[in-house]
Amino acid sequence: MAGLESDRIVEALGRRAGKEPGVADVAQAIVSIWNEIDTSLGPILGSRGVAMLYKRSLILTGAAHEWLPRVTETLPTALDLAPLEAALMQQGNTVALHGGSALFRTFYELLSSLVGPSLTERLLRPIWDNS
């Protein structure tokens, strides 16, 4: 992923979490952004499509951030963020922030591989800018 877009993701998450965030602030910011992604991309990819990309992102990111929730073999029908929020709450705010950022980067890269970088940026930019 281009460094600029990667920086936008980290900056957006930092803005949404606030100055000197606690782990609850970080977790809430991450969950909030995922809900916006689901709302924005759901009509385009379908709820199941967004959930599948999220699940794949968890699998890929979990290799470097082993505390991220493990996913099941079942096909998701909707985004279930409760396990992610619980896992985030068990981390320190810095670890949660880095893991959440990595998860968003992985999602961005997966989506970009499917629809191209230009469309991915157009789809996700309002979410990053809204933070």
Protein backbone atom coordinates (compact mmCIF):
# COMPACT_ATOMS: atom_id res chain seq x y z
CA MET A 1 0.00 0.00 0.00
CA ALA A 2 1.20 3.48 -0.72
CA GLY A 3 2.80 5.15 2.29
CA LEU A 4 0.45 8.11 2.05
CA GLU A 5 -2.67 5.98 2.39
CA SER A 6 -1.08 4.01 5.20
CA ASP A 7 -0.35 7.28 6.99
CA ARG A 8 -3.96 8.40 6.50
CA ILE A 9 -5.24 5.28 8.19
CA VAL A 10 -2.97 5.72 11.20
CA GLU A 11 -3.76 9.44 11.42
CA ALA A 12 -7.51 8.82 11.20
CA LEU A 13 -7.36 6.25 13.95
CA GLY A 14 -5.27 8.55 16.12
CA ARG A 15 -7.67 11.47 15.63
CA ARG A 16 -10.68 9.33 16.41
CA ALA A 17 -9.09 7.88 19.55
CA GLY A 18 -8.22 11.37 20.82
CA LYS A 19 -5.21 12.84 22.59
CA GLU A 20 -3.65 10.53 25.15
CA PRO A 21 -6.21 7.77 24.57
CA GLY A 22 -6.81 4.89 26.91
CA VAL A 23 -7.36 1.41 25.59
CA ALA A 24 -11.15 1.91 25.73
CA ASP A 25 -10.80 4.99 23.50
CA VAL A 26 -8.66 3.08 21.03
CA ALA A 27 -11.05 0.10 20.97
CA GLN A 28 -14.06 2.39 20.48
CA ALA A 29 -12.30 4.23 17.64
CA ILE A 30 -11.41 0.99 15.86
CA VAL A 31 -14.90 -0.46 16.23
CA SER A 32 -16.42 2.84 15.10
CA ILE A 33 -14.33 2.88 11.93
CA TRP A 34 -15.23 -0.75 11.18
CA ASN A 35 -18.91 0.11 11.55
CA GLU A 36 -18.46 2.97 9.07
CA ILE A 37 -16.67 0.66 6.66
CA ASP A 38 -19.55 -1.79 6.92
CA THR A 39 -22.12 0.95 6.36
CA SER A 40 -20.24 2.45 3.41
CA LEU A 41 -19.22 -0.74 1.64
CA GLY A 42 -22.21 -2.91 2.55
CA PRO A 43 -24.38 -1.61 -0.30
CA ILE A 44 -21.53 -2.21 -2.76
CA LEU A 45 -20.05 -5.50 -1.57
CA GLY A 46 -22.96 -6.78 0.51
CA SER A 47 -22.79 -7.41 4.25
CA ARG A 48 -21.35 -10.86 3.65
CA GLY A 49 -18.66 -9.45 1.34
CA VAL A 50 -17.51 -6.91 3.91
CA ALA A 51 -17.56 -9.60 6.61
CA MET A 52 -15.49 -11.94 4.45
CA LEU A 53 -12.86 -9.26 3.79
CA TYR A 54 -12.78 -8.45 7.50
CA LYS A 55 -12.38 -12.15 8.34
CA ARG A 56 -9.55 -12.54 5.82
CA SER A 57 -7.90 -9.39 7.22
CA LEU A 58 -8.03 -10.91 10.72
CA ILE A 59 -6.41 -14.11 9.48
CA LEU A 60 -3.59 -12.30 7.70
CA THR A 61 -2.96 -9.70 10.40
CA GLY A 62 -3.21 -12.30 13.16
CA ALA A 63 0.11 -13.79 12.05
CA ALA A 64 1.92 -10.70 13.35
CA HIS A 65 -0.60 -9.78 16.09
CA GLU A 66 -1.41 -13.10 17.70
CA TRP A 67 -3.79 -11.52 20.22
CA LEU A 68 -6.31 -10.70 17.48
CA PRO A 69 -9.39 -12.92 17.66
CA ARG A 70 -9.24 -16.23 15.87
CA VAL A 71 -11.84 -16.76 13.21
CA THR A 72 -14.00 -19.80 12.67
CA GLU A 73 -14.42 -21.81 9.51
CA THR A 74 -18.04 -20.73 9.13
CA LEU A 75 -18.96 -18.15 6.55
CA PRO A 76 -19.89 -14.88 8.20
CA THR A 77 -23.17 -13.26 7.23
CA ALA A 78 -22.44 -9.95 8.94
CA LEU A 79 -19.62 -8.12 10.65
CA ASP A 80 -19.20 -9.31 14.26
CA LEU A 81 -16.96 -6.82 16.04
CA ALA A 82 -17.54 -8.02 19.62
CA PRO A 83 -14.56 -10.44 19.61
CA LEU A 84 -12.29 -7.72 18.19
CA GLU A 85 -13.40 -5.21 20.80
CA ALA A 86 -12.84 -7.74 23.59
CA ALA A 87 -9.34 -8.55 22.27
CA LEU A 88 -8.47 -4.87 21.97
CA MET A 89 -9.60 -4.19 25.54
CA GLN A 90 -7.12 -6.78 26.82
CA GLN A 91 -4.17 -4.94 25.26
CA GLY A 92 -2.38 -1.77 26.17
CA ASN A 93 -3.42 1.27 24.18
CA THR A 94 -0.23 1.28 22.06
CA VAL A 95 -0.51 -2.41 21.18
CA ALA A 96 -4.22 -2.02 20.40
CA LEU A 97 -3.52 1.02 18.23
CA HIS A 98 -0.77 -0.77 16.26
CA GLY A 99 -2.87 -3.91 15.84
CA GLY A 100 -5.93 -1.95 14.75
CA SER A 101 -3.87 0.05 12.27
CA ALA A 102 -2.37 -3.15 10.86
CA LEU A 103 -5.84 -4.65 10.49
CA PHE A 104 -7.06 -1.61 8.56
CA ARG A 105 -3.96 -1.68 6.34
CA THR A 106 -4.54 -5.35 5.54
CA PHE A 107 -8.19 -4.68 4.75
CA TYR A 108 -7.19 -1.78 2.49
CA GLU A 109 -4.70 -3.99 0.64
CA LEU A 110 -7.23 -6.80 0.19
CA LEU A 111 -9.91 -4.46 -1.09
CA SER A 112 -7.38 -2.78 -3.36
CA SER A 113 -6.39 -6.14 -4.84
CA LEU A 114 -10.04 -6.74 -5.73
CA VAL A 115 -11.21 -3.36 -7.03
CA GLY A 116 -7.98 -1.46 -7.62
CA PRO A 117 -6.20 1.21 -5.61
CA SER A 118 -8.02 4.18 -7.12
CA LEU A 119 -11.51 2.88 -6.33
CA THR A 120 -10.40 1.67 -2.89
CA GLU A 121 -9.11 5.13 -2.06
CA ARG A 122 -12.36 6.74 -3.25
CA LEU A 123 -14.44 4.31 -1.21
CA LEU A 124 -12.46 4.62 2.02
CA ARG A 125 -11.25 8.22 1.91
CA PRO A 126 -14.51 9.64 3.38
CA ILE A 127 -14.09 7.35 6.38
CA TRP A 128 -10.49 8.39 7.00
CA ASP A 129 -11.35 12.06 6.42
CA ASN A 130 -14.37 11.83 8.75
CA SER A 131 -12.16 10.89 11.68
